Amino acid sequence: MSLARAAVGPLLAFTLVAVAFPVGSQASDDLRVPQSLAEPAEDLRDGLTQVADADTIDEARQAHDDAVRGPADQLLPYANDLADRSGDLLATYLDRLDEQLATGNLSDARSLASAGAQLVADDVQPVAERWDRNRTALAAGPVQATDEGPAVALVLVNPPPGSIAAVDASLTLEAATPRSASLALGQGETTVDPANGTVRWASFDASAAASLATDGAQPVALGEARIDPTGDTIATNVTVHDLLDADGQSTPAIGLASDREVPTDGTGLPTTWLALGGVALGAVGLGLWVQRWEP
């Protein structure tokens, strides 16, 4: 995640209305959050240690197949969101480890496995353990109909205790072109890049004293992007740059990828899935502003 600095601002009081998923909507089936990331992180660390301790290239290859591939597949899609550059470095280590095992270079394979195991232990596993406590995630909601055409929402799943003070996240689309975007919570900015199919939301003026009026079971829409789909299904992927909790501290969160159908109501228009369901973000207390450094 990118760095963020929070500072106490002027006293303010306001109420922000969020958008909630109706029970039984498509979102409840599609927003599948991993049950744990600490477990695959620990398994990956142990598997890389086995490769580093191997006496022969065959032992190293077997340990890699048995104890590294599985947990790596579970962890790597979220490693960048959790650990930023350390997540990228882990992916590089694992790619190079594959290459050295394929060419039979035991010495380099052991060195890479050892470095990877240490990286997981120092920079990835501790954040994964923190993430497991709440399993906070951001994702794109199903396609909905609006007055301005089809749209998808940026959805918060499992809000951290006390809710959030700021969010900075990007959505990447395939088979759809974003046209515009808006925030549902707080003040901030949106950036739309139609050529690359990306939308970025940065809401940095929500209250540090905010709390969501929900038990955490219902996903909440934080923003919306109007899109032009080019097919019946679009692919979506969210990257979390930063998420601050109510105390202004970075909290672990991951972005989810999903495929979204473009439903029709018989007239060729997408059907509406979101309801303005009375879930509110109430805030009375100290304001928060966030200065962000782009990654």
Protein backbone atom coordinates (compact mmCIF):
# COMPACT_ATOMS: atom_id res chain seq x y z
CA MET A 1 0.00 0.00 0.00
CA SER A 2 1.05 3.59 -0.56
CA LEU A 3 2.14 5.75 2.36
CA ALA A 4 -0.45 7.97 3.99
CA ARG A 5 -0.14 10.62 6.68
CA ALA A 6 -3.16 11.66 8.73
CA ALA A 7 -3.47 14.93 10.59
CA VAL A 8 -6.21 16.24 12.83
CA GLY A 9 -8.24 18.92 11.12
CA PRO A 10 -10.97 21.33 12.20
CA LEU A 11 -13.92 20.13 14.21
CA LEU A 12 -16.81 19.12 11.99
CA ALA A 13 -20.02 17.16 12.04
CA PHE A 14 -21.75 15.53 9.13
CA THR A 15 -23.61 12.41 8.02
CA LEU A 16 -22.62 10.49 4.92
CA VAL A 17 -25.00 8.04 3.25
CA ALA A 18 -23.55 4.76 2.04
CA VAL A 19 -25.12 2.19 -0.26
CA ALA A 20 -25.73 -1.38 0.90
CA PHE A 21 -26.20 -4.60 -1.01
CA PRO A 22 -29.65 -6.14 -0.66
CA VAL A 23 -29.63 -9.58 0.97
CA GLY A 24 -29.38 -12.35 -1.60
CA SER A 25 -27.96 -10.14 -4.35
CA GLN A 26 -25.40 -11.33 -6.87
CA ALA A 27 -22.75 -9.66 -4.74
CA SER A 28 -23.22 -12.08 -1.85
CA ASP A 29 -22.15 -14.94 -4.12
CA ASP A 30 -19.38 -13.21 -6.03
CA LEU A 31 -17.47 -11.31 -3.34
CA ARG A 32 -15.54 -14.30 -2.03
CA VAL A 33 -12.99 -13.17 0.52
CA PRO A 34 -10.19 -15.64 1.43
CA GLN A 35 -10.70 -17.31 4.80
CA SER A 36 -7.06 -16.77 5.71
CA LEU A 37 -3.86 -15.32 4.26
CA ALA A 38 -1.71 -15.92 7.33
CA GLU A 39 -1.95 -19.68 6.85
CA PRO A 40 -0.67 -19.75 3.25
CA ALA A 41 2.02 -17.21 4.24
CA GLU A 42 3.25 -19.53 6.97
CA ASP A 43 3.07 -22.55 4.67
CA LEU A 44 4.98 -20.66 1.96
CA ARG A 45 7.70 -19.66 4.41
CA ASP A 46 8.06 -23.29 5.56
CA GLY A 47 8.06 -24.59 1.98
CA LEU A 48 10.76 -22.15 0.88
CA THR A 49 12.82 -23.19 3.91
CA GLN A 50 12.55 -26.80 2.76
CA VAL A 51 13.86 -25.84 -0.68
CA ALA A 52 16.71 -23.85 0.91
CA ASP A 53 17.69 -26.89 3.01
CA ALA A 54 17.56 -29.40 0.11
CA ASP A 55 20.73 -31.41 -0.53
CA THR A 56 20.02 -32.18 -4.19
CA ILE A 57 18.24 -30.51 -7.06
CA ASP A 58 15.68 -33.32 -7.10
CA GLU A 59 14.91 -32.74 -3.41
CA ALA A 60 14.59 -29.02 -4.05
CA ARG A 61 12.23 -29.57 -6.97
CA GLN A 62 10.10 -31.98 -4.96
CA ALA A 63 9.89 -29.61 -2.00
CA HIS A 64 8.92 -26.81 -4.38
CA ASP A 65 6.15 -28.87 -5.99
CA ASP A 66 4.84 -30.19 -2.68
CA ALA A 67 5.19 -27.20 -0.35
CA VAL A 68 5.68 -23.98 -2.35
CA ARG A 69 3.38 -23.96 -5.37
CA GLY A 70 0.11 -24.33 -3.48
CA PRO A 71 0.55 -21.61 -0.84
CA ALA A 72 2.19 -19.32 -3.40
CA ASP A 73 -0.90 -19.57 -5.62
CA GLN A 74 -3.09 -18.65 -2.65
CA LEU A 75 -0.97 -15.73 -1.42
CA LEU A 76 0.54 -14.04 -4.48
CA PRO A 77 -2.70 -12.48 -5.85
CA TYR A 78 -2.84 -10.38 -2.66
CA ALA A 79 0.85 -9.95 -1.82
CA ASN A 80 1.15 -6.51 -3.41
CA ASP A 81 -1.93 -5.16 -1.61
CA LEU A 82 -0.63 -6.51 1.70
CA ALA A 83 3.07 -5.73 1.47
CA ASP A 84 3.50 -3.31 -1.46
CA ARG A 85 7.08 -3.56 -2.80
CA SER A 86 7.86 -6.56 -0.61
CA GLY A 87 4.96 -8.34 -2.29
CA ASP A 88 6.38 -7.53 -5.71
CA LEU A 89 9.83 -8.69 -4.58
CA LEU A 90 8.37 -11.98 -3.35
CA ALA A 91 6.83 -12.58 -6.78
CA THR A 92 10.22 -11.87 -8.37
CA TYR A 93 11.97 -14.30 -6.03
CA LEU A 94 9.47 -17.03 -6.84
CA ASP A 95 9.76 -16.48 -10.59
CA ARG A 96 13.54 -16.67 -10.43
CA LEU A 97 13.33 -19.74 -8.19
CA ASP A 98 11.25 -21.48 -10.86
CA GLU A 99 13.90 -20.64 -13.44
CA GLN A 100 16.82 -21.90 -11.36
CA LEU A 101 15.05 -25.14 -10.47
CA ALA A 102 14.23 -25.69 -14.14
CA THR A 103 17.88 -25.23 -15.17
CA GLY A 104 19.17 -27.35 -12.27
CA ASN A 105 21.08 -24.60 -10.48
CA LEU A 106 20.83 -25.82 -6.88
CA SER A 107 23.04 -23.15 -5.33
CA ASP A 108 21.07 -20.21 -6.72
CA ALA A 109 17.76 -21.97 -6.06
CA ARG A 110 18.67 -22.46 -2.40
CA SER A 111 19.78 -18.83 -2.06
CA LEU A 112 16.56 -17.53 -3.62
CA ALA A 113 14.42 -19.82 -1.46
CA SER A 114 16.23 -18.69 1.67
CA ALA A 115 15.80 -15.01 0.78
CA GLY A 116 12.15 -15.59 -0.05
CA ALA A 117 11.48 -17.36 3.24
CA GLN A 118 13.07 -14.48 5.16
CA LEU A 119 11.07 -11.92 3.19
CA VAL A 120 7.82 -13.71 3.97
CA ALA A 121 8.70 -13.98 7.66
CA ASP A 122 9.72 -10.31 7.98
CA ASP A 123 7.39 -8.38 5.66
CA VAL A 124 4.47 -10.50 4.46
CA GLN A 125 3.40 -12.92 7.18
CA PRO A 126 2.98 -10.26 9.94
CA VAL A 127 0.66 -8.19 7.70
CA ALA A 128 -1.24 -11.32 6.65
CA GLU A 129 -1.80 -12.15 10.32
CA ARG A 130 -3.18 -8.65 10.89
CA TRP A 131 -5.41 -8.99 7.84
CA ASP A 132 -6.86 -12.27 9.11
CA ARG A 133 -8.35 -10.51 12.15
CA ASN A 134 -10.94 -8.69 10.02
CA ARG A 135 -10.50 -9.87 6.39
CA THR A 136 -11.17 -6.41 4.91
CA ALA A 137 -11.42 -6.34 1.12
CA LEU A 138 -12.42 -4.05 -1.75
CA ALA A 139 -14.09 -5.26 -4.94
CA ALA A 140 -16.25 -4.22 -7.86
CA GLY A 141 -19.95 -4.82 -7.42
CA PRO A 142 -22.19 -6.30 -10.11
CA VAL A 143 -23.23 -4.14 -13.06
CA GLN A 144 -26.23 -1.94 -12.27
CA ALA A 145 -28.47 0.43 -14.20
CA THR A 146 -28.33 4.14 -13.47
CA ASP A 147 -29.77 7.23 -15.11
CA GLU A 148 -26.37 7.73 -16.74
CA GLY A 149 -26.05 4.16 -18.01
CA PRO A 150 -24.43 0.95 -16.69
CA ALA A 151 -22.26 1.32 -13.60
CA VAL A 152 -20.23 -0.67 -11.10
CA ALA A 153 -19.55 0.28 -7.50
CA LEU A 154 -16.37 0.13 -5.45
CA VAL A 155 -17.44 -2.12 -2.59
CA LEU A 156 -16.03 -2.41 0.93
CA VAL A 157 -16.33 -5.88 2.45
CA ASN A 158 -15.78 -6.47 6.18
CA PRO A 159 -15.13 -2.87 7.27
CA PRO A 160 -12.46 -2.59 9.99
CA PRO A 161 -13.67 -1.92 13.54
CA GLY A 162 -14.74 1.71 13.84
CA SER A 163 -15.03 1.92 10.06
CA ILE A 164 -12.63 3.84 7.79
CA ALA A 165 -11.26 7.35 7.63
CA ALA A 166 -9.85 7.26 4.09
CA VAL A 167 -9.55 4.98 1.10
CA ASP A 168 -7.39 4.99 -2.03
CA ALA A 169 -8.13 2.24 -4.54
CA SER A 170 -8.14 1.54 -8.28
CA LEU A 171 -10.41 -0.54 -10.48
CA THR A 172 -9.20 -2.14 -13.71
CA LEU A 173 -11.79 -3.18 -16.30
CA GLU A 174 -11.64 -5.50 -19.29
CA ALA A 175 -14.40 -5.51 -21.92
CA ALA A 176 -15.68 -2.18 -20.59
CA THR A 177 -14.62 1.45 -20.86
CA PRO A 178 -15.02 3.73 -17.82
CA ARG A 179 -16.63 7.12 -18.60
CA SER A 180 -16.95 8.86 -15.24
CA ALA A 181 -16.78 8.15 -11.52
CA SER A 182 -18.06 9.54 -8.23
CA LEU A 183 -17.56 9.06 -4.49
CA ALA A 184 -20.34 7.91 -2.18
CA LEU A 185 -18.46 8.73 1.02
CA GLY A 186 -16.54 11.80 2.10
CA GLN A 187 -14.71 14.23 -0.12
CA GLY A 188 -11.81 13.48 -2.40
CA GLU A 189 -11.03 12.90 -6.02
CA THR A 190 -11.65 10.41 -8.79
CA THR A 191 -9.45 9.73 -11.82
CA VAL A 192 -10.78 8.02 -14.93
CA ASP A 193 -8.47 6.63 -17.62
CA PRO A 194 -10.64 5.27 -20.48
CA ALA A 195 -7.65 4.30 -22.62
CA ASN A 196 -6.32 1.91 -19.98
CA GLY A 197 -9.68 0.93 -18.52
CA THR A 198 -8.93 2.17 -15.01
CA VAL A 199 -10.69 4.22 -12.35
CA ARG A 200 -9.14 5.50 -9.12
CA TRP A 201 -10.99 6.74 -6.05
CA ALA A 202 -9.28 8.68 -3.25
CA SER A 203 -11.61 9.67 -0.43
CA PHE A 204 -9.54 11.49 2.18
CA ASP A 205 -11.97 13.71 4.06
CA ALA A 206 -14.12 11.22 5.94
CA SER A 207 -14.24 11.55 9.72
CA ALA A 208 -11.82 9.67 11.97
CA ALA A 209 -14.76 9.24 14.37
CA ALA A 210 -16.96 7.60 11.72
CA SER A 211 -18.69 4.29 12.29
CA LEU A 212 -20.81 2.26 9.90
CA ALA A 213 -24.32 1.49 11.08
CA THR A 214 -23.96 -2.18 10.12
CA ASP A 215 -22.79 -5.39 11.70
CA GLY A 216 -20.14 -5.79 9.01
CA ALA A 217 -22.05 -8.53 7.20
CA GLN A 218 -23.31 -6.23 4.45
CA PRO A 219 -20.85 -4.92 1.83
CA VAL A 220 -20.98 -1.13 1.43
CA ALA A 221 -20.49 0.87 -1.78
CA LEU A 222 -17.87 3.63 -1.44
CA GLY A 223 -18.02 4.98 -4.98
CA GLU A 224 -19.34 4.31 -8.45
CA ALA A 225 -17.98 4.20 -12.01
CA ARG A 226 -20.16 4.62 -15.10
CA ILE A 227 -19.04 2.28 -17.85
CA ASP A 228 -19.62 1.31 -21.48
CA PRO A 229 -19.54 -2.52 -21.62
CA THR A 230 -18.37 -4.07 -24.88
CA GLY A 231 -19.69 -7.57 -24.17
CA ASP A 232 -21.98 -9.64 -21.99
CA THR A 233 -19.30 -10.11 -19.32
CA ILE A 234 -16.65 -7.75 -17.97
CA ALA A 235 -13.57 -8.64 -15.92
CA THR A 236 -12.82 -6.45 -12.89
CA ASN A 237 -9.86 -6.23 -10.55
CA VAL A 238 -9.33 -3.87 -7.60
CA THR A 239 -5.95 -2.69 -6.29
CA VAL A 240 -5.81 -1.23 -2.77
CA HIS A 241 -3.29 1.62 -2.50
CA ASP A 242 -4.22 2.57 1.06
CA LEU A 243 -6.98 2.19 3.60
CA LEU A 244 -7.02 4.08 6.89
CA ASP A 245 -9.03 3.02 9.90
CA ALA A 246 -10.94 5.38 12.18
CA ASP A 247 -7.70 6.22 14.03
CA GLY A 248 -6.00 7.28 10.80
CA GLN A 249 -3.75 4.21 10.72
CA SER A 250 -3.17 2.05 7.64
CA THR A 251 -5.14 -1.17 7.93
CA PRO A 252 -4.52 -4.30 5.83
CA ALA A 253 -6.96 -4.72 2.95
CA ILE A 254 -6.90 -6.67 -0.29
CA GLY A 255 -8.45 -6.13 -3.72
CA LEU A 256 -10.58 -8.84 -5.30
CA ALA A 257 -10.93 -9.85 -8.94
CA SER A 258 -14.22 -11.03 -10.43
CA ASP A 259 -16.13 -11.41 -13.67
CA ARG A 260 -19.36 -9.44 -13.91
CA GLU A 261 -22.30 -10.22 -16.17
CA VAL A 262 -24.11 -7.37 -17.86
CA PRO A 263 -27.74 -8.33 -17.15
CA THR A 264 -30.73 -7.12 -19.13
CA ASP A 265 -34.36 -6.60 -18.17
CA GLY A 266 -35.78 -7.69 -21.51
CA THR A 267 -35.28 -4.29 -23.13
CA GLY A 268 -31.52 -4.58 -23.39
CA LEU A 269 -30.92 -2.39 -20.33
CA PRO A 270 -28.94 -3.60 -17.30
CA THR A 271 -31.03 -4.33 -14.22
CA THR A 272 -30.50 -2.47 -10.95
CA TRP A 273 -28.93 -4.40 -8.07
CA LEU A 274 -28.11 -1.69 -5.53
CA ALA A 275 -30.66 -0.33 -3.08
CA LEU A 276 -30.38 2.82 -1.05
CA GLY A 277 -30.91 0.68 1.99
CA GLY A 278 -30.57 3.03 4.93
CA VAL A 279 -27.04 2.09 5.87
CA ALA A 280 -25.48 5.36 6.94
CA LEU A 281 -22.02 6.51 7.85
CA GLY A 282 -22.53 8.90 10.74
CA ALA A 283 -19.69 11.17 11.80
CA VAL A 284 -19.44 13.66 14.63
CA GLY A 285 -15.97 14.55 15.84
CA LEU A 286 -12.57 15.51 14.60
CA GLY A 287 -12.08 15.88 10.86
CA LEU A 288 -9.29 14.10 9.08
CA TRP A 289 -7.26 15.05 6.11
CA VAL A 290 -4.79 12.75 4.44
CA GLN A 291 -1.75 13.66 2.39
CA ARG A 292 -0.89 10.83 0.02
CA TRP A 293 2.25 9.94 -1.81
CA GLU A 294 1.50 8.16 -5.09
CA PRO A 295 3.09 4.69 -5.35
